[in-house]
Structures are given as C-alpha cells and as structure tokens.
Amino acid sequence: MPLRGTQRKKRREKARRGLDRSTGVRDGPRREFSASTGASWELEDAAAPVAAPAAGDNRKARREEKKREREELQEERRRRKKAKRRGEHEPAAAAPDAAASAPAAAAEAPEAPAVRVIGGGIKIEDTRVGTGAAAKHSSHLEIAYEAWVLRDDGTVRGGGAIDKATAKEPYLFVCGSSEVVKGLSLGIKGMRAGGKRTITVPWKFGYGAKGSLPSVPPKADLRFDVELLEVGAGFAV
C-alpha cells in the first residue's frame, strides 16, 4: 500500500537527520534529500567544541615556563662570564682608552640619594645608583651580598657576616618570593642593575621574634649590603 504524502515527508525528515525509522534514535550521519530528483547526500556535523585545558595543565605549563626562564638567566650569566674572560686577555694597548673613558663615565653616573625609610621601617641607602633595568615584583634577580646581625644600637654584632654571595658565585632568586626574608625583597625593589644598596631590615621583616639560632638571635635586626648584578624577565607569582 503506497504511503501517504505526510508519512513520506516524515520518513524523509528522519533519514535527513540520521534517525532510525523504528526508534527515532539517530544511528548515522545526517542526510539531505532532493524532492525533485530523489537523490540524497550526507551532511557534515558541526565541529565539536574544543575542551578547555584542565587546571593541572595550566600549572604544569607555568612550572615549565618558570624553569625555562631560570635556565635562560643562567645561560646569560655564563655568556657574560665567558665574555669577561675574553676581555681580560685583550692587548694592553687598549688600557689607555679605557682609563680615559672612566672619568667621563663616573661624571655621568647619577648621584646616590640619602637614607630613605619605606614601609615597616625598612631603611635603604644607595651607595651607588645603577643604570640598568629596575627590580620589581616577580623579577629574576642576581645579586652579590653580605648579611649582618645588628645590636640594639644599630652597630654590627661581632663574628662577621652570617651569610654572603659573591659576584663570581651570585645568589639568584625571584623578587617577592619566599626564597629570601621579606625585608630584603621589599628593600631591593626599585633598585637598578649595577647599583649597590645597604638595606636595614627590622626583625619583623627578618627572622621574626624567634630568630634563626644560632646565627640570628630573637628579634634581631639585619643589614644587607647588596650589589644588584642582573635583572631578568619576571612572571606572575
């Protein structure tokens, strides 16, 4: 018995959408029909949305980026050392030119400001103002320094520096991180590469009420004599 017009239309519509005729469930690709010729063809489905990356993938990417930036900073330091060693073996004839340019460079260097006090009572004194990039939060920093414990009257306790790093073996850290005491990160912000600064840190921004025995007594203020050697690219922390 031939199908009525309405039934034929419904079957063509189900076939076009890829639906099973008996169950109404889609069992294949969508199809289109030509009413005039009776020909049919498959329709391509719209592309499925791309799933957003998981939070774990984002953390892994950030760790890899941080590792890569540290490696780049270390590689740059090695290149500078190699360049410095090559410069030390240049002919002595070049020495007069360097000596002649030294007074002009010293005259152009900016004058160091007086002692300043920033938040929390941290005191900073620039003994030499640098001309390079400025340190800011999350910057990769390379420093040479000496750390001293102070008495109540502000003088240095006996026994020498409690910690230090040299220009040949500098200390690398991220400004604002927990790798150093908070007072050092706050005091070094704004300092420019090539500069030297004395930073006096109150005990609240140092090792706190308990100190760090045996080298740092409880509630002991600290002094850092810092030379900022290099400022690298930063990242959000």
Protein backbone atom coordinates (compact mmCIF):
# COMPACT_ATOMS: atom_id res chain seq x y z
CA MET A 1 0.00 0.00 0.00
CA PRO A 2 1.59 3.29 -1.01
CA LEU A 3 2.46 5.75 1.79
CA ARG A 4 0.53 8.92 2.12
CA GLY A 5 2.28 12.21 1.46
CA THR A 6 2.60 13.15 5.16
CA GLN A 7 4.21 9.81 6.09
CA ARG A 8 6.70 10.08 3.23
CA LYS A 9 7.69 13.56 4.43
CA LYS A 10 8.24 12.31 7.99
CA ARG A 11 10.44 9.41 6.82
CA ARG A 12 12.49 11.72 4.61
CA GLU A 13 12.94 14.13 7.54
CA LYS A 14 14.10 11.29 9.89
CA ALA A 15 16.50 9.98 7.26
CA ARG A 16 17.86 13.52 6.72
CA ARG A 17 18.61 13.84 10.45
CA GLY A 18 20.10 10.32 10.56
CA LEU A 19 17.32 8.88 12.76
CA ASP A 20 16.34 5.22 12.87
CA ARG A 21 12.87 4.86 11.36
CA SER A 22 11.59 2.45 14.06
CA THR A 23 13.11 4.02 17.21
CA GLY A 24 13.59 7.64 16.22
CA VAL A 25 17.20 7.49 17.54
CA ARG A 26 19.98 8.88 15.41
CA ASP A 27 22.04 5.99 14.04
CA GLY A 28 24.15 7.59 11.33
CA PRO A 29 25.14 10.84 9.67
CA ARG A 30 22.57 13.43 8.74
CA ARG A 31 21.37 13.29 5.13
CA GLU A 32 19.72 15.74 2.73
CA PHE A 33 17.18 14.78 0.04
CA SER A 34 16.19 16.40 -3.21
CA ALA A 35 12.44 16.49 -3.61
CA SER A 36 12.68 16.77 -7.39
CA THR A 37 15.30 14.09 -8.16
CA GLY A 38 15.05 11.81 -5.11
CA ALA A 39 18.87 11.96 -4.64
CA SER A 40 20.35 12.10 -1.13
CA TRP A 41 23.73 13.04 0.38
CA GLU A 42 25.40 13.15 3.82
CA LEU A 43 25.75 16.37 5.80
CA GLU A 44 28.85 17.13 7.85
CA ASP A 45 28.26 17.72 11.57
CA ALA A 46 29.42 20.92 13.14
CA ALA A 47 32.80 20.70 14.78
CA ALA A 48 32.68 19.74 18.43
CA PRO A 49 33.81 22.47 20.82
CA VAL A 50 37.40 22.23 21.98
CA ALA A 51 37.63 21.32 25.63
CA ALA A 52 39.27 23.91 27.83
CA PRO A 53 42.63 22.88 29.27
CA ALA A 54 42.50 21.42 32.76
CA ALA A 55 43.81 23.40 35.72
CA GLY A 56 46.61 20.86 36.17
CA ASP A 57 47.81 21.52 32.62
CA ASN A 58 47.97 25.27 33.36
CA ARG A 59 50.05 24.70 36.50
CA LYS A 60 52.39 22.39 34.61
CA ALA A 61 52.82 24.98 31.85
CA ARG A 62 53.64 27.68 34.42
CA ARG A 63 56.22 25.44 36.10
CA GLU A 64 57.83 24.68 32.74
CA GLU A 65 57.88 28.38 31.85
CA LYS A 66 59.49 29.26 35.18
CA LYS A 67 62.11 26.54 34.68
CA ARG A 68 62.84 27.77 31.17
CA GLU A 69 63.29 31.37 32.37
CA ARG A 70 65.71 30.26 35.08
CA GLU A 71 67.73 28.28 32.53
CA GLU A 72 67.86 31.30 30.20
CA LEU A 73 69.07 33.51 33.06
CA GLN A 74 71.80 31.04 33.98
CA GLU A 75 72.87 30.72 30.33
CA GLU A 76 73.07 34.51 30.06
CA ARG A 77 75.27 34.61 33.16
CA ARG A 78 77.61 32.00 31.65
CA ARG A 79 77.88 34.03 28.43
CA ARG A 80 78.79 37.17 30.39
CA LYS A 81 81.48 35.30 32.28
CA LYS A 82 82.96 33.99 29.04
CA ALA A 83 82.89 37.47 27.52
CA LYS A 84 84.56 38.89 30.63
CA ARG A 85 87.34 36.29 30.47
CA ARG A 86 87.94 37.11 26.81
CA GLY A 87 88.11 40.82 27.66
CA GLU A 88 90.77 40.21 30.32
CA HIS A 89 93.11 38.81 27.63
CA GLU A 90 92.85 41.80 25.27
CA PRO A 91 96.12 43.63 24.40
CA ALA A 92 97.41 46.11 26.93
CA ALA A 93 97.27 48.86 24.27
CA ALA A 94 93.53 49.13 24.85
CA ALA A 95 94.05 50.04 28.53
CA PRO A 96 94.75 53.82 27.99
CA ASP A 97 91.43 54.23 26.12
CA ALA A 98 89.53 52.51 28.94
CA ALA A 99 91.28 54.64 31.53
CA ALA A 100 90.46 57.80 29.60
CA SER A 101 86.76 56.91 29.40
CA ALA A 102 86.49 56.06 33.14
CA PRO A 103 86.33 59.71 34.41
CA ALA A 104 83.63 60.56 31.86
CA ALA A 105 81.53 57.55 32.90
CA ALA A 106 81.93 58.45 36.57
CA ALA A 107 80.81 62.01 35.85
CA GLU A 108 77.67 60.77 34.10
CA ALA A 109 76.69 58.36 36.93
CA PRO A 110 73.66 59.63 38.90
CA GLU A 111 74.24 60.86 42.42
CA ALA A 112 73.24 58.46 45.19
CA PRO A 113 70.35 59.73 47.37
CA ALA A 114 70.39 59.86 51.16
CA VAL A 115 68.95 57.24 53.52
CA ARG A 116 65.24 56.62 52.93
CA VAL A 117 62.69 54.78 55.07
CA ILE A 118 59.98 52.71 53.40
CA GLY A 119 57.05 50.68 54.75
CA GLY A 120 57.58 48.83 58.02
CA GLY A 121 60.65 50.89 58.96
CA ILE A 122 62.97 49.33 56.36
CA LYS A 123 65.86 51.70 55.67
CA ILE A 124 67.59 51.84 52.29
CA GLU A 125 70.71 53.75 51.28
CA ASP A 126 72.04 53.66 47.72
CA THR A 127 75.83 53.79 47.81
CA ARG A 128 75.90 53.50 44.01
CA VAL A 129 72.92 54.03 41.71
CA GLY A 130 72.75 51.58 38.82
CA THR A 131 71.81 52.38 35.25
CA GLY A 132 70.30 49.03 34.18
CA ALA A 133 66.83 47.54 34.46
CA ALA A 134 64.91 48.13 37.70
CA ALA A 135 63.97 45.30 40.06
CA LYS A 136 60.24 44.78 40.54
CA HIS A 137 57.88 42.16 41.90
CA SER A 138 58.46 38.74 40.29
CA SER A 139 61.71 39.80 38.58
CA HIS A 140 64.51 37.23 38.41
CA LEU A 141 67.40 38.83 40.30
CA GLU A 142 71.09 38.02 40.54
CA ILE A 143 72.87 39.61 43.50
CA ALA A 144 76.08 39.66 45.47
CA TYR A 145 75.55 40.46 49.14
CA GLU A 146 76.67 40.22 52.76
CA ALA A 147 74.22 39.85 55.67
CA TRP A 148 74.96 41.15 59.17
CA VAL A 149 73.20 40.95 62.54
CA LEU A 150 72.78 44.28 64.33
CA ARG A 151 72.78 45.16 68.01
CA ASP A 152 70.04 47.27 69.59
CA ASP A 153 72.10 50.44 68.98
CA GLY A 154 72.42 49.64 65.24
CA THR A 155 76.05 48.53 65.29
CA VAL A 156 77.15 45.23 63.78
CA ARG A 157 77.49 42.25 66.12
CA GLY A 158 80.84 40.53 66.26
CA GLY A 159 81.54 37.31 64.43
CA GLY A 160 81.41 38.60 60.85
CA ALA A 161 78.76 38.23 58.17
CA ILE A 162 76.19 35.47 58.74
CA ASP A 163 75.73 34.87 55.01
CA LYS A 164 77.09 36.12 51.71
CA ALA A 165 77.33 35.61 47.95
CA THR A 166 79.94 36.97 45.57
CA ALA A 167 79.87 38.30 42.01
CA LYS A 168 81.61 35.10 40.86
CA GLU A 169 79.05 32.93 42.64
CA PRO A 170 75.95 35.16 42.93
CA TYR A 171 72.63 34.34 44.52
CA LEU A 172 69.57 34.02 42.23
CA PHE A 173 66.01 34.46 43.43
CA VAL A 174 62.61 35.80 42.41
CA CYS A 175 61.77 39.17 43.95
CA GLY A 176 58.72 38.86 46.20
CA SER A 177 59.05 35.10 46.72
CA SER A 178 59.73 33.29 49.99
CA GLU A 179 63.31 32.44 48.93
CA VAL A 180 64.62 35.39 50.98
CA VAL A 181 63.38 37.31 54.04
CA LYS A 182 60.56 39.71 53.25
CA GLY A 183 62.57 42.80 54.18
CA LEU A 184 65.21 42.05 51.53
CA SER A 185 62.60 41.72 48.75
CA LEU A 186 60.90 44.96 49.80
CA GLY A 187 64.18 46.83 50.14
CA ILE A 188 65.57 45.75 46.78
CA LYS A 189 62.52 46.81 44.73
CA GLY A 190 63.25 49.80 42.52
CA MET A 191 67.00 49.16 42.61
CA ARG A 192 68.67 49.17 39.19
CA ALA A 193 71.17 46.67 37.83
CA GLY A 194 74.74 47.77 38.51
CA GLY A 195 73.80 49.56 41.72
CA LYS A 196 74.77 48.98 45.35
CA ARG A 197 72.45 49.42 48.32
CA THR A 198 72.54 49.00 52.08
CA ILE A 199 69.23 47.68 53.44
CA THR A 200 68.47 47.70 57.19
CA VAL A 201 65.66 45.25 57.98
CA PRO A 202 63.67 45.34 61.26
CA TRP A 203 63.24 41.96 62.94
CA LYS A 204 59.54 41.80 61.98
CA PHE A 205 60.59 41.64 58.32
CA GLY A 206 63.58 39.40 59.02
CA TYR A 207 63.59 36.19 61.07
CA GLY A 208 60.90 37.37 63.49
CA ALA A 209 60.61 37.01 67.26
CA LYS A 210 62.23 33.55 67.31
CA GLY A 211 65.24 34.41 65.16
CA SER A 212 67.29 31.75 63.42
CA LEU A 213 69.62 30.28 66.01
CA PRO A 214 72.49 30.10 66.42
CA SER A 215 73.42 32.82 63.91
CA VAL A 216 70.40 35.16 64.35
CA PRO A 217 69.12 35.85 67.91
CA PRO A 218 65.41 36.50 68.60
CA LYS A 219 64.12 39.93 67.48
CA ALA A 220 67.40 40.81 65.79
CA ASP A 221 67.55 43.49 63.09
CA LEU A 222 69.58 42.71 59.96
CA ARG A 223 71.69 44.65 57.49
CA PHE A 224 72.25 43.62 53.89
CA ASP A 225 74.96 45.13 51.72
CA VAL A 226 73.66 44.31 48.24
CA GLU A 227 75.01 44.69 44.71
CA LEU A 228 72.40 44.05 42.01
CA LEU A 229 74.21 42.28 39.17
CA GLU A 230 71.36 41.40 36.83
CA VAL A 231 67.60 41.81 36.42
CA GLY A 232 65.89 39.15 34.33
CA ALA A 233 62.39 38.76 32.93
CA GLY A 234 59.64 38.26 35.51
CA PHE A 235 56.44 36.18 35.77
CA ALA A 236 53.35 36.34 37.91
CA VAL A 237 53.50 34.60 41.19
